[in-house]
Amino acid sequence: MSASEAVLKYLRDQNRPYSANDIFMNLHKEFGKTAIQKALDELTEKGKLKEKIYGKQKVYAVEQVQEGNSEDMNKELSDLDKEIAKVSDELQSAEQQLRAHESLLQKLLTTLTTEDAVKEKSVLEEKVSKLTEKLEQLSKNAVPISKKERDKIVNLRDKNVKEWRKRKSLCMDIVNSILEGYPKDKKSLLEEIGIETDEDAGVSLSCF
């Protein structure tokens, strides 16, 4: 069976409009895209198919030949146009969803994995804890330190707290992205992947 015969049979059997790519996929890639498009062009030129253009999208349907008055035929053509418009809208919606998912996937691929983010968070928390302990010891030390040394310590603390906030925000962004496709709540997700939050550890960034 040639590509033209296969395309015409498929559209007759389905009796609804399809784009060239839809036909290519639904015929299980038996024929190449170029062959499918060539067959559609030939069948349209011969008057066996009807072509409709919606924006950049072309859809094809079998040319309906029926006996009866022109009013009935016009109604059928009108119904076909509505069906084509509906399918075109559905296609555009699907393409928008695909682009959104591709954008999210690209974002996830270029950021830290959940496991890496958890490790970074743990390291930062340990650093902050040690610095906090050092600051407490220094504050209790009877021997005063120089303003230069104090400023150095404060700046280092501020730098680490800033990094802590940044990493925490990144970690939560990843968790929220995963949560969009997760069937349970956020608490269940955190427990399942083994993330302990600042709140779980009794730590609050507001204290720093």
N, C-alpha and C. Protein backbone atom coordinates (compact mmCIF):
# COMPACT_ATOMS: atom_id res chain seq x y z
N MET A 1 0.85 -1.19 0.00
CA MET A 1 0.00 0.00 0.00
C MET A 1 0.89 1.24 0.00
N SER A 2 0.60 2.17 -0.91
CA SER A 2 1.39 3.39 -1.00
C SER A 2 1.04 4.34 0.13
N ALA A 3 1.85 5.40 0.28
CA ALA A 3 1.60 6.39 1.32
C ALA A 3 0.26 7.09 1.09
N SER A 4 -0.05 7.40 -0.18
CA SER A 4 -1.32 8.07 -0.50
C SER A 4 -2.51 7.19 -0.14
N GLU A 5 -2.41 5.92 -0.48
CA GLU A 5 -3.50 4.99 -0.16
C GLU A 5 -3.68 4.84 1.34
N ALA A 6 -2.57 4.74 2.04
CA ALA A 6 -2.63 4.58 3.49
C ALA A 6 -3.21 5.81 4.16
N VAL A 7 -2.80 6.99 3.70
CA VAL A 7 -3.31 8.25 4.27
C VAL A 7 -4.80 8.40 4.01
N LEU A 8 -5.22 8.15 2.77
CA LEU A 8 -6.62 8.29 2.41
C LEU A 8 -7.48 7.30 3.19
N LYS A 9 -7.02 6.06 3.31
CA LYS A 9 -7.78 5.05 4.07
C LYS A 9 -7.89 5.46 5.54
N TYR A 10 -6.79 5.93 6.10
CA TYR A 10 -6.81 6.32 7.52
C TYR A 10 -7.80 7.46 7.77
N LEU A 11 -7.77 8.48 6.92
CA LEU A 11 -8.66 9.62 7.11
C LEU A 11 -10.12 9.24 6.88
N ARG A 12 -10.35 8.31 5.92
CA ARG A 12 -11.72 7.84 5.70
C ARG A 12 -12.22 7.04 6.89
N ASP A 13 -11.35 6.20 7.43
CA ASP A 13 -11.75 5.37 8.57
C ASP A 13 -12.03 6.22 9.80
N GLN A 14 -11.19 7.22 10.02
CA GLN A 14 -11.35 8.06 11.21
C GLN A 14 -12.44 9.10 11.04
N ASN A 15 -12.59 9.58 9.80
CA ASN A 15 -13.62 10.56 9.46
C ASN A 15 -13.55 11.80 10.34
N ARG A 16 -12.33 12.30 10.53
CA ARG A 16 -12.12 13.53 11.29
C ARG A 16 -10.80 14.14 10.83
N PRO A 17 -10.61 15.41 11.06
CA PRO A 17 -9.40 16.08 10.58
C PRO A 17 -8.17 15.77 11.42
N TYR A 18 -6.99 15.74 10.75
CA TYR A 18 -5.71 15.51 11.43
C TYR A 18 -4.63 16.34 10.74
N SER A 19 -3.61 16.69 11.50
CA SER A 19 -2.45 17.36 10.91
C SER A 19 -1.53 16.30 10.31
N ALA A 20 -0.56 16.76 9.51
CA ALA A 20 0.38 15.83 8.88
C ALA A 20 1.17 15.05 9.94
N ASN A 21 1.56 15.75 11.01
CA ASN A 21 2.32 15.07 12.07
C ASN A 21 1.47 14.03 12.80
N ASP A 22 0.18 14.37 13.02
CA ASP A 22 -0.73 13.41 13.66
C ASP A 22 -0.82 12.13 12.82
N ILE A 23 -0.98 12.32 11.53
CA ILE A 23 -1.11 11.16 10.63
C ILE A 23 0.17 10.35 10.63
N PHE A 24 1.31 11.03 10.59
CA PHE A 24 2.61 10.37 10.63
C PHE A 24 2.75 9.50 11.87
N MET A 25 2.37 10.05 13.02
CA MET A 25 2.48 9.31 14.28
C MET A 25 1.45 8.19 14.35
N ASN A 26 0.21 8.47 13.94
CA ASN A 26 -0.86 7.48 14.06
C ASN A 26 -0.70 6.31 13.09
N LEU A 27 0.08 6.51 12.03
CA LEU A 27 0.39 5.40 11.12
C LEU A 27 1.66 4.68 11.59
N HIS A 28 2.04 4.98 12.84
CA HIS A 28 3.18 4.30 13.48
C HIS A 28 4.48 4.47 12.68
N LYS A 29 4.62 5.65 12.07
CA LYS A 29 5.83 6.02 11.34
C LYS A 29 6.16 5.02 10.22
N GLU A 30 5.09 4.43 9.66
CA GLU A 30 5.29 3.47 8.56
C GLU A 30 5.88 4.16 7.34
N PHE A 31 5.51 5.43 7.17
CA PHE A 31 6.05 6.23 6.07
C PHE A 31 6.73 7.46 6.67
N GLY A 32 7.70 7.98 5.97
CA GLY A 32 8.41 9.16 6.46
C GLY A 32 7.52 10.39 6.42
N LYS A 33 7.91 11.43 7.15
CA LYS A 33 7.13 12.67 7.18
C LYS A 33 7.03 13.30 5.79
N THR A 34 8.13 13.23 5.06
CA THR A 34 8.12 13.81 3.71
C THR A 34 7.12 13.09 2.82
N ALA A 35 7.08 11.76 2.91
CA ALA A 35 6.15 10.96 2.10
C ALA A 35 4.70 11.26 2.49
N ILE A 36 4.46 11.43 3.79
CA ILE A 36 3.10 11.73 4.27
C ILE A 36 2.66 13.08 3.72
N GLN A 37 3.54 14.09 3.83
CA GLN A 37 3.18 15.42 3.36
C GLN A 37 2.95 15.43 1.84
N LYS A 38 3.78 14.70 1.12
CA LYS A 38 3.63 14.62 -0.33
C LYS A 38 2.29 13.98 -0.68
N ALA A 39 1.93 12.93 0.04
CA ALA A 39 0.65 12.25 -0.21
C ALA A 39 -0.51 13.18 0.08
N LEU A 40 -0.42 13.94 1.16
CA LEU A 40 -1.49 14.89 1.51
C LEU A 40 -1.64 15.96 0.43
N ASP A 41 -0.52 16.47 -0.05
CA ASP A 41 -0.57 17.48 -1.11
C ASP A 41 -1.22 16.93 -2.38
N GLU A 42 -0.84 15.71 -2.75
CA GLU A 42 -1.39 15.09 -3.96
C GLU A 42 -2.89 14.82 -3.82
N LEU A 43 -3.29 14.31 -2.67
CA LEU A 43 -4.70 14.00 -2.44
C LEU A 43 -5.54 15.28 -2.39
N THR A 44 -4.96 16.34 -1.83
CA THR A 44 -5.67 17.62 -1.79
C THR A 44 -5.84 18.18 -3.20
N GLU A 45 -4.76 18.08 -3.98
CA GLU A 45 -4.81 18.59 -5.36
C GLU A 45 -5.83 17.82 -6.19
N LYS A 46 -6.00 16.53 -5.93
CA LYS A 46 -6.96 15.71 -6.67
C LYS A 46 -8.39 15.89 -6.16
N GLY A 47 -8.53 16.66 -5.08
CA GLY A 47 -9.87 16.91 -4.56
C GLY A 47 -10.39 15.83 -3.63
N LYS A 48 -9.52 14.91 -3.23
CA LYS A 48 -9.97 13.84 -2.34
C LYS A 48 -9.87 14.24 -0.87
N LEU A 49 -9.05 15.25 -0.59
CA LEU A 49 -8.92 15.76 0.77
C LEU A 49 -9.23 17.25 0.80
N LYS A 50 -9.64 17.71 1.96
CA LYS A 50 -9.90 19.13 2.16
C LYS A 50 -8.84 19.65 3.14
N GLU A 51 -8.21 20.76 2.78
CA GLU A 51 -7.15 21.34 3.61
C GLU A 51 -7.64 22.63 4.25
N LYS A 52 -7.37 22.78 5.55
CA LYS A 52 -7.72 23.99 6.27
C LYS A 52 -6.46 24.50 6.98
N ILE A 53 -6.27 25.82 6.97
CA ILE A 53 -5.10 26.42 7.61
C ILE A 53 -5.56 27.27 8.79
N TYR A 54 -5.00 26.98 9.95
CA TYR A 54 -5.28 27.75 11.16
C TYR A 54 -3.95 28.25 11.71
N GLY A 55 -3.67 29.54 11.45
CA GLY A 55 -2.37 30.07 11.85
C GLY A 55 -1.28 29.40 11.05
N LYS A 56 -0.36 28.73 11.73
CA LYS A 56 0.72 28.00 11.06
C LYS A 56 0.40 26.52 10.93
N GLN A 57 -0.76 26.12 11.38
CA GLN A 57 -1.13 24.71 11.41
C GLN A 57 -2.07 24.36 10.25
N LYS A 58 -1.73 23.29 9.54
CA LYS A 58 -2.58 22.76 8.48
C LYS A 58 -3.21 21.45 8.94
N VAL A 59 -4.50 21.31 8.70
CA VAL A 59 -5.17 20.05 9.02
C VAL A 59 -5.89 19.55 7.76
N TYR A 60 -6.07 18.23 7.70
CA TYR A 60 -6.65 17.61 6.51
C TYR A 60 -7.80 16.68 6.90
N ALA A 61 -8.81 16.65 6.04
CA ALA A 61 -9.94 15.76 6.24
C ALA A 61 -10.42 15.29 4.88
N VAL A 62 -11.11 14.16 4.87
CA VAL A 62 -11.63 13.63 3.61
C VAL A 62 -12.69 14.57 3.07
N GLU A 63 -12.61 14.86 1.77
CA GLU A 63 -13.62 15.70 1.11
C GLU A 63 -14.93 14.94 1.10
N GLN A 64 -15.95 15.50 1.72
CA GLN A 64 -17.24 14.82 1.82
C GLN A 64 -18.05 15.06 0.55
N VAL A 65 -18.40 13.97 -0.10
CA VAL A 65 -19.24 14.05 -1.29
C VAL A 65 -20.56 13.37 -0.98
N GLN A 66 -21.62 14.13 -0.94
CA GLN A 66 -22.90 13.53 -0.60
C GLN A 66 -24.00 14.11 -1.48
N GLU A 67 -24.98 13.27 -1.71
CA GLU A 67 -26.12 13.70 -2.49
C GLU A 67 -27.07 14.46 -1.59
N GLY A 68 -27.76 15.42 -2.13
CA GLY A 68 -28.70 16.19 -1.32
C GLY A 68 -28.61 17.65 -1.69
N ASN A 69 -29.39 18.45 -1.00
CA ASN A 69 -29.41 19.86 -1.34
C ASN A 69 -28.18 20.57 -0.78
N SER A 70 -27.93 21.76 -1.28
CA SER A 70 -26.75 22.50 -0.89
C SER A 70 -26.78 22.91 0.57
N GLU A 71 -27.97 23.06 1.13
CA GLU A 71 -28.08 23.45 2.55
C GLU A 71 -27.50 22.37 3.45
N ASP A 72 -27.82 21.11 3.14
CA ASP A 72 -27.28 20.00 3.93
C ASP A 72 -25.76 19.93 3.80
N MET A 73 -25.29 20.12 2.59
CA MET A 73 -23.85 20.05 2.35
C MET A 73 -23.13 21.19 3.07
N ASN A 74 -23.71 22.38 3.04
CA ASN A 74 -23.10 23.52 3.72
C ASN A 74 -23.05 23.29 5.23
N LYS A 75 -24.09 22.66 5.76
CA LYS A 75 -24.11 22.37 7.20
C LYS A 75 -23.00 21.39 7.57
N GLU A 76 -22.84 20.38 6.73
CA GLU A 76 -21.79 19.39 6.99
C GLU A 76 -20.42 20.04 6.92
N LEU A 77 -20.22 20.92 5.95
CA LEU A 77 -18.94 21.61 5.84
C LEU A 77 -18.70 22.53 7.04
N SER A 78 -19.79 23.15 7.49
CA SER A 78 -19.69 24.02 8.67
C SER A 78 -19.31 23.21 9.90
N ASP A 79 -19.94 22.05 10.05
CA ASP A 79 -19.61 21.18 11.18
C ASP A 79 -18.16 20.72 11.12
N LEU A 80 -17.70 20.44 9.90
CA LEU A 80 -16.32 20.00 9.72
C LEU A 80 -15.36 21.12 10.10
N ASP A 81 -15.69 22.36 9.70
CA ASP A 81 -14.85 23.50 10.06
C ASP A 81 -14.77 23.67 11.58
N LYS A 82 -15.89 23.48 12.25
CA LYS A 82 -15.90 23.60 13.71
C LYS A 82 -15.03 22.52 14.34
N GLU A 83 -15.12 21.31 13.80
CA GLU A 83 -14.32 20.22 14.33
C GLU A 83 -12.83 20.48 14.11
N ILE A 84 -12.50 21.02 12.96
CA ILE A 84 -11.10 21.35 12.66
C ILE A 84 -10.60 22.44 13.60
N ALA A 85 -11.45 23.45 13.83
CA ALA A 85 -11.07 24.53 14.74
C ALA A 85 -10.85 24.00 16.15
N LYS A 86 -11.72 23.07 16.57
CA LYS A 86 -11.60 22.48 17.90
C LYS A 86 -10.28 21.71 18.04
N VAL A 87 -9.99 20.89 17.03
CA VAL A 87 -8.76 20.11 17.06
C VAL A 87 -7.53 21.04 17.04
N SER A 88 -7.63 22.12 16.27
CA SER A 88 -6.52 23.07 16.20
C SER A 88 -6.28 23.72 17.56
N ASP A 89 -7.37 24.09 18.24
CA ASP A 89 -7.24 24.68 19.58
C ASP A 89 -6.63 23.69 20.56
N GLU A 90 -7.05 22.43 20.46
CA GLU A 90 -6.51 21.39 21.34
C GLU A 90 -5.02 21.20 21.08
N LEU A 91 -4.64 21.26 19.81
CA LEU A 91 -3.24 21.10 19.44
C LEU A 91 -2.41 22.25 20.01
N GLN A 92 -2.92 23.49 19.88
CA GLN A 92 -2.19 24.63 20.39
C GLN A 92 -2.03 24.55 21.91
N SER A 93 -3.09 24.11 22.58
CA SER A 93 -3.03 23.95 24.03
C SER A 93 -1.99 22.90 24.42
N ALA A 94 -1.98 21.79 23.68
CA ALA A 94 -1.01 20.72 23.97
C ALA A 94 0.42 21.21 23.73
N GLU A 95 0.61 22.01 22.69
CA GLU A 95 1.94 22.53 22.39
C GLU A 95 2.40 23.49 23.49
N GLN A 96 1.47 24.30 24.03
CA GLN A 96 1.81 25.21 25.12
C GLN A 96 2.22 24.43 26.37
N GLN A 97 1.46 23.36 26.67
CA GLN A 97 1.80 22.54 27.82
C GLN A 97 3.16 21.87 27.63
N LEU A 98 3.43 21.43 26.40
CA LEU A 98 4.71 20.79 26.12
C LEU A 98 5.86 21.77 26.35
N ARG A 99 5.69 23.00 25.86
CA ARG A 99 6.74 24.01 26.05
C ARG A 99 6.96 24.31 27.53
N ALA A 100 5.87 24.37 28.29
CA ALA A 100 5.98 24.63 29.73
C ALA A 100 6.74 23.50 30.43
N HIS A 101 6.42 22.25 30.06
CA HIS A 101 7.09 21.11 30.67
C HIS A 101 8.56 21.05 30.26
N GLU A 102 8.84 21.40 29.01
CA GLU A 102 10.23 21.40 28.55
C GLU A 102 11.03 22.46 29.30
N SER A 103 10.39 23.63 29.55
CA SER A 103 11.06 24.71 30.27
C SER A 103 11.36 24.28 31.70
N LEU A 104 10.39 23.61 32.34
CA LEU A 104 10.59 23.13 33.71
C LEU A 104 11.69 22.07 33.76
N LEU A 105 11.68 21.18 32.78
CA LEU A 105 12.70 20.13 32.72
C LEU A 105 14.09 20.74 32.57
N GLN A 106 14.21 21.73 31.70
CA GLN A 106 15.50 22.38 31.48
C GLN A 106 15.98 23.05 32.76
N LYS A 107 15.04 23.65 33.49
CA LYS A 107 15.39 24.32 34.75
C LYS A 107 15.90 23.30 35.77
N LEU A 108 15.20 22.17 35.84
CA LEU A 108 15.61 21.13 36.79
C LEU A 108 16.96 20.53 36.43
N LEU A 109 17.22 20.40 35.12
CA LEU A 109 18.48 19.80 34.67
C LEU A 109 19.68 20.71 34.93
N THR A 110 19.43 22.03 35.03
CA THR A 110 20.53 22.97 35.21
C THR A 110 20.70 23.38 36.68
N THR A 111 19.91 22.81 37.57
CA THR A 111 20.05 23.12 39.00
C THR A 111 20.56 21.89 39.75
N LEU A 112 20.86 22.09 41.01
CA LEU A 112 21.34 20.98 41.83
C LEU A 112 20.25 19.92 41.98
N THR A 113 20.67 18.69 42.10
CA THR A 113 19.71 17.63 42.40
C THR A 113 19.28 17.78 43.85
N THR A 114 18.18 17.13 44.19
CA THR A 114 17.68 17.20 45.57
C THR A 114 18.74 16.68 46.54
N GLU A 115 19.39 15.59 46.16
CA GLU A 115 20.42 14.99 47.02
C GLU A 115 21.57 15.96 47.25
N ASP A 116 22.04 16.62 46.17
CA ASP A 116 23.14 17.57 46.30
C ASP A 116 22.73 18.79 47.13
N ALA A 117 21.48 19.25 46.92
CA ALA A 117 20.99 20.41 47.67
C ALA A 117 20.92 20.10 49.16
N VAL A 118 20.49 18.88 49.49
CA VAL A 118 20.41 18.46 50.89
C VAL A 118 21.81 18.44 51.51
N LYS A 119 22.79 17.91 50.77
CA LYS A 119 24.17 17.86 51.26
C LYS A 119 24.73 19.26 51.49
N GLU A 120 24.48 20.16 50.51
CA GLU A 120 24.95 21.54 50.64
C GLU A 120 24.31 22.21 51.84
N LYS A 121 23.04 21.96 52.03
CA LYS A 121 22.30 22.55 53.15
C LYS A 121 22.90 22.07 54.47
N SER A 122 23.20 20.77 54.55
CA SER A 122 23.77 20.21 55.76
C SER A 122 25.13 20.82 56.07
N VAL A 123 25.96 20.97 55.03
CA VAL A 123 27.29 21.56 55.20
C VAL A 123 27.19 22.99 55.70
N LEU A 124 26.28 23.76 55.07
CA LEU A 124 26.11 25.16 55.46
C LEU A 124 25.60 25.29 56.90
N GLU A 125 24.67 24.41 57.25
CA GLU A 125 24.14 24.45 58.61
C GLU A 125 25.24 24.18 59.63
N GLU A 126 26.12 23.23 59.29
CA GLU A 126 27.23 22.91 60.19
C GLU A 126 28.18 24.09 60.32
N LYS A 127 28.47 24.76 59.19
CA LYS A 127 29.35 25.93 59.21
C LYS A 127 28.75 27.04 60.06
N VAL A 128 27.46 27.29 59.85
CA VAL A 128 26.79 28.34 60.60
C VAL A 128 26.77 28.02 62.08
N SER A 129 26.54 26.74 62.39
CA SER A 129 26.53 26.32 63.80
C SER A 129 27.88 26.57 64.46
N LYS A 130 28.96 26.23 63.78
CA LYS A 130 30.30 26.42 64.32
C LYS A 130 30.62 27.90 64.49
N LEU A 131 30.22 28.70 63.49
CA LEU A 131 30.47 30.13 63.58
C LEU A 131 29.67 30.76 64.72
N THR A 132 28.44 30.28 64.89
CA THR A 132 27.60 30.79 65.97
C THR A 132 28.23 30.47 67.32
N GLU A 133 28.71 29.22 67.43
CA GLU A 133 29.36 28.81 68.66
C GLU A 133 30.62 29.65 68.92
N LYS A 134 31.37 29.92 67.86
CA LYS A 134 32.58 30.73 68.00
C LYS A 134 32.25 32.15 68.43
N LEU A 135 31.18 32.70 67.85
CA LEU A 135 30.75 34.04 68.22
C LEU A 135 30.33 34.11 69.68
N GLU A 136 29.64 33.07 70.12
CA GLU A 136 29.20 33.03 71.51
C GLU A 136 30.40 32.98 72.45
N GLN A 137 31.38 32.18 72.07
CA GLN A 137 32.59 32.08 72.89
C GLN A 137 33.34 33.41 72.93
N LEU A 138 33.43 34.04 71.77
CA LEU A 138 34.11 35.32 71.70
C LEU A 138 33.39 36.40 72.49
N SER A 139 32.06 36.33 72.44
CA SER A 139 31.28 37.33 73.17
C SER A 139 31.44 37.19 74.68
N LYS A 140 31.74 35.96 75.13
CA LYS A 140 31.92 35.72 76.56
C LYS A 140 33.38 35.91 77.00
N ASN A 141 34.24 36.03 76.03
CA ASN A 141 35.67 36.16 76.32
C ASN A 141 35.95 37.51 76.97
N ALA A 142 36.64 37.47 78.09
CA ALA A 142 36.94 38.71 78.81
C ALA A 142 37.95 39.56 78.07
N VAL A 143 38.76 38.92 77.25
CA VAL A 143 39.77 39.65 76.50
C VAL A 143 39.13 40.24 75.26
N PRO A 144 39.08 41.56 75.13
CA PRO A 144 38.43 42.16 73.96
C PRO A 144 39.22 41.88 72.68
N ILE A 145 38.51 41.83 71.58
CA ILE A 145 39.16 41.65 70.28
C ILE A 145 39.15 42.98 69.55
N SER A 146 39.99 43.08 68.57
CA SER A 146 40.08 44.33 67.82
C SER A 146 38.85 44.49 66.93
N LYS A 147 38.60 45.73 66.58
CA LYS A 147 37.45 46.03 65.70
C LYS A 147 37.64 45.34 64.34
N LYS A 148 38.85 45.27 63.87
CA LYS A 148 39.14 44.63 62.59
C LYS A 148 38.78 43.15 62.62
N GLU A 149 39.19 42.47 63.72
CA GLU A 149 38.89 41.05 63.86
C GLU A 149 37.39 40.83 64.00
N ARG A 150 36.76 41.73 64.77
CA ARG A 150 35.30 41.61 64.96
C ARG A 150 34.56 41.79 63.63
N ASP A 151 34.96 42.79 62.88
CA ASP A 151 34.31 43.05 61.58
C ASP A 151 34.51 41.87 60.63
N LYS A 152 35.70 41.26 60.70
CA LYS A 152 35.99 40.11 59.85
C LYS A 152 35.05 38.95 60.19
N ILE A 153 34.87 38.73 61.48
CA ILE A 153 34.00 37.64 61.92
C ILE A 153 32.54 37.92 61.52
N VAL A 154 32.09 39.13 61.74
CA VAL A 154 30.72 39.49 61.41
C VAL A 154 30.47 39.37 59.92
N ASN A 155 31.42 39.82 59.12
CA ASN A 155 31.28 39.74 57.66
C ASN A 155 31.22 38.28 57.20
N LEU A 156 32.07 37.45 57.83
CA LEU A 156 32.06 36.03 57.46
C LEU A 156 30.73 35.39 57.84
N ARG A 157 30.25 35.76 59.01
CA ARG A 157 28.94 35.24 59.45
C ARG A 157 27.84 35.67 58.47
N ASP A 158 27.81 36.94 58.12
CA ASP A 158 26.79 37.45 57.20
C ASP A 158 26.87 36.75 55.84
N LYS A 159 28.10 36.51 55.40
CA LYS A 159 28.29 35.83 54.11
C LYS A 159 27.72 34.42 54.15
N ASN A 160 27.98 33.72 55.24
CA ASN A 160 27.49 32.34 55.36
C ASN A 160 25.97 32.28 55.54
N VAL A 161 25.43 33.23 56.29
CA VAL A 161 23.97 33.27 56.45
C VAL A 161 23.31 33.56 55.11
N LYS A 162 23.91 34.47 54.33
CA LYS A 162 23.39 34.78 53.00
C LYS A 162 23.41 33.55 52.11
N GLU A 163 24.52 32.80 52.17
CA GLU A 163 24.64 31.58 51.37
C GLU A 163 23.63 30.54 51.85
N TRP A 164 23.44 30.49 53.17
CA TRP A 164 22.44 29.58 53.75
C TRP A 164 21.06 29.89 53.19
N ARG A 165 20.68 31.16 53.19
CA ARG A 165 19.37 31.55 52.66
C ARG A 165 19.24 31.18 51.18
N LYS A 166 20.32 31.42 50.44
CA LYS A 166 20.31 31.13 49.01
C LYS A 166 20.12 29.64 48.75
N ARG A 167 20.89 28.82 49.49
CA ARG A 167 20.79 27.37 49.29
C ARG A 167 19.44 26.82 49.74
N LYS A 168 18.95 27.40 50.84
CA LYS A 168 17.64 26.95 51.33
C LYS A 168 16.56 27.26 50.30
N SER A 169 16.63 28.48 49.72
CA SER A 169 15.65 28.86 48.70
C SER A 169 15.74 27.96 47.48
N LEU A 170 16.97 27.62 47.06
CA LEU A 170 17.18 26.74 45.92
C LEU A 170 16.61 25.36 46.21
N CYS A 171 16.87 24.85 47.40
CA CYS A 171 16.37 23.53 47.80
C CYS A 171 14.84 23.50 47.77
N MET A 172 14.22 24.55 48.33
CA MET A 172 12.76 24.59 48.37
C MET A 172 12.15 24.74 46.97
N ASP A 173 12.86 25.47 46.07
CA ASP A 173 12.38 25.60 44.69
C ASP A 173 12.33 24.22 44.03
N ILE A 174 13.38 23.43 44.26
CA ILE A 174 13.42 22.08 43.68
C ILE A 174 12.32 21.21 44.27
N VAL A 175 12.16 21.30 45.60
CA VAL A 175 11.12 20.51 46.26
C VAL A 175 9.73 20.89 45.72
N ASN A 176 9.49 22.20 45.54
CA ASN A 176 8.18 22.64 45.04
C ASN A 176 7.95 22.20 43.60
N SER A 177 9.03 22.16 42.81
CA SER A 177 8.89 21.68 41.43
C SER A 177 8.51 20.20 41.41
N ILE A 178 9.16 19.42 42.27
CA ILE A 178 8.84 17.99 42.36
C ILE A 178 7.42 17.81 42.87
N LEU A 179 7.01 18.69 43.78
CA LEU A 179 5.70 18.57 44.43
C LEU A 179 4.55 18.71 43.43
N GLU A 180 4.80 19.42 42.30
CA GLU A 180 3.75 19.62 41.29
C GLU A 180 3.25 18.29 40.72
N GLY A 181 4.14 17.31 40.65
CA GLY A 181 3.73 16.01 40.12
C GLY A 181 3.67 14.93 41.19
N TYR A 182 3.74 15.33 42.47
CA TYR A 182 3.74 14.37 43.57
C TYR A 182 2.32 14.21 44.11
N PRO A 183 1.86 13.00 44.33
CA PRO A 183 0.47 12.78 44.70
C PRO A 183 0.12 13.13 46.15
N LYS A 184 1.15 13.31 47.01
CA LYS A 184 0.88 13.58 48.42
C LYS A 184 1.26 15.02 48.77
N ASP A 185 1.18 15.36 50.09
CA ASP A 185 1.50 16.71 50.50
C ASP A 185 3.01 16.90 50.67
N LYS A 186 3.38 18.16 50.94
CA LYS A 186 4.79 18.52 51.01
C LYS A 186 5.51 17.79 52.15
N LYS A 187 4.84 17.64 53.30
CA LYS A 187 5.44 16.97 54.44
C LYS A 187 5.80 15.52 54.09
N SER A 188 4.88 14.84 53.37
CA SER A 188 5.13 13.45 52.98
C SER A 188 6.31 13.36 52.03
N LEU A 189 6.40 14.34 51.08
CA LEU A 189 7.51 14.34 50.12
C LEU A 189 8.84 14.52 50.84
N LEU A 190 8.90 15.46 51.79
CA LEU A 190 10.14 15.70 52.53
C LEU A 190 10.57 14.47 53.31
N GLU A 191 9.58 13.79 53.92
CA GLU A 191 9.90 12.59 54.68
C GLU A 191 10.40 11.47 53.77
N GLU A 192 9.78 11.36 52.59
CA GLU A 192 10.14 10.27 51.67
C GLU A 192 11.56 10.42 51.13
N ILE A 193 11.96 11.67 50.80
CA ILE A 193 13.29 11.86 50.23
C ILE A 193 14.32 12.20 51.31
N GLY A 194 13.88 12.23 52.58
CA GLY A 194 14.82 12.37 53.68
C GLY A 194 15.36 13.76 53.91
N ILE A 195 14.53 14.80 53.65
CA ILE A 195 14.98 16.17 53.88
C ILE A 195 14.51 16.63 55.26
N GLU A 196 15.46 17.12 56.07
CA GLU A 196 15.13 17.70 57.37
C GLU A 196 15.20 19.22 57.25
N THR A 197 14.11 19.89 57.50
CA THR A 197 14.07 21.34 57.35
C THR A 197 14.69 22.03 58.55
N ASP A 198 14.93 23.34 58.42
CA ASP A 198 15.44 24.12 59.55
C ASP A 198 14.50 24.01 60.73
N GLU A 199 13.20 24.05 60.41
CA GLU A 199 12.20 23.98 61.47
C GLU A 199 12.27 22.63 62.21
N ASP A 200 12.50 21.56 61.47
CA ASP A 200 12.64 20.24 62.09
C ASP A 200 13.82 20.20 63.04
N ALA A 201 14.87 20.94 62.69
CA ALA A 201 16.07 20.95 63.50
C ALA A 201 16.02 22.03 64.59
N GLY A 202 14.91 22.76 64.65
CA GLY A 202 14.78 23.81 65.65
C GLY A 202 15.63 25.03 65.35
N VAL A 203 15.90 25.27 64.07
CA VAL A 203 16.72 26.40 63.65
C VAL A 203 15.89 27.35 62.83
N SER A 204 16.08 28.65 63.04
CA SER A 204 15.35 29.64 62.28
C SER A 204 16.29 30.70 61.76
N LEU A 205 16.17 31.00 60.46
CA LEU A 205 17.03 32.03 59.87
C LEU A 205 16.77 33.40 60.47
N SER A 206 15.58 33.59 61.01
CA SER A 206 15.25 34.89 61.60
C SER A 206 16.11 35.20 62.82
N CYS A 207 16.72 34.16 63.38
CA CYS A 207 17.58 34.35 64.56
C CYS A 207 18.96 34.87 64.17
N PHE A 208 19.24 34.87 62.89
CA PHE A 208 20.58 35.30 62.44
C PHE A 208 20.50 36.63 61.73
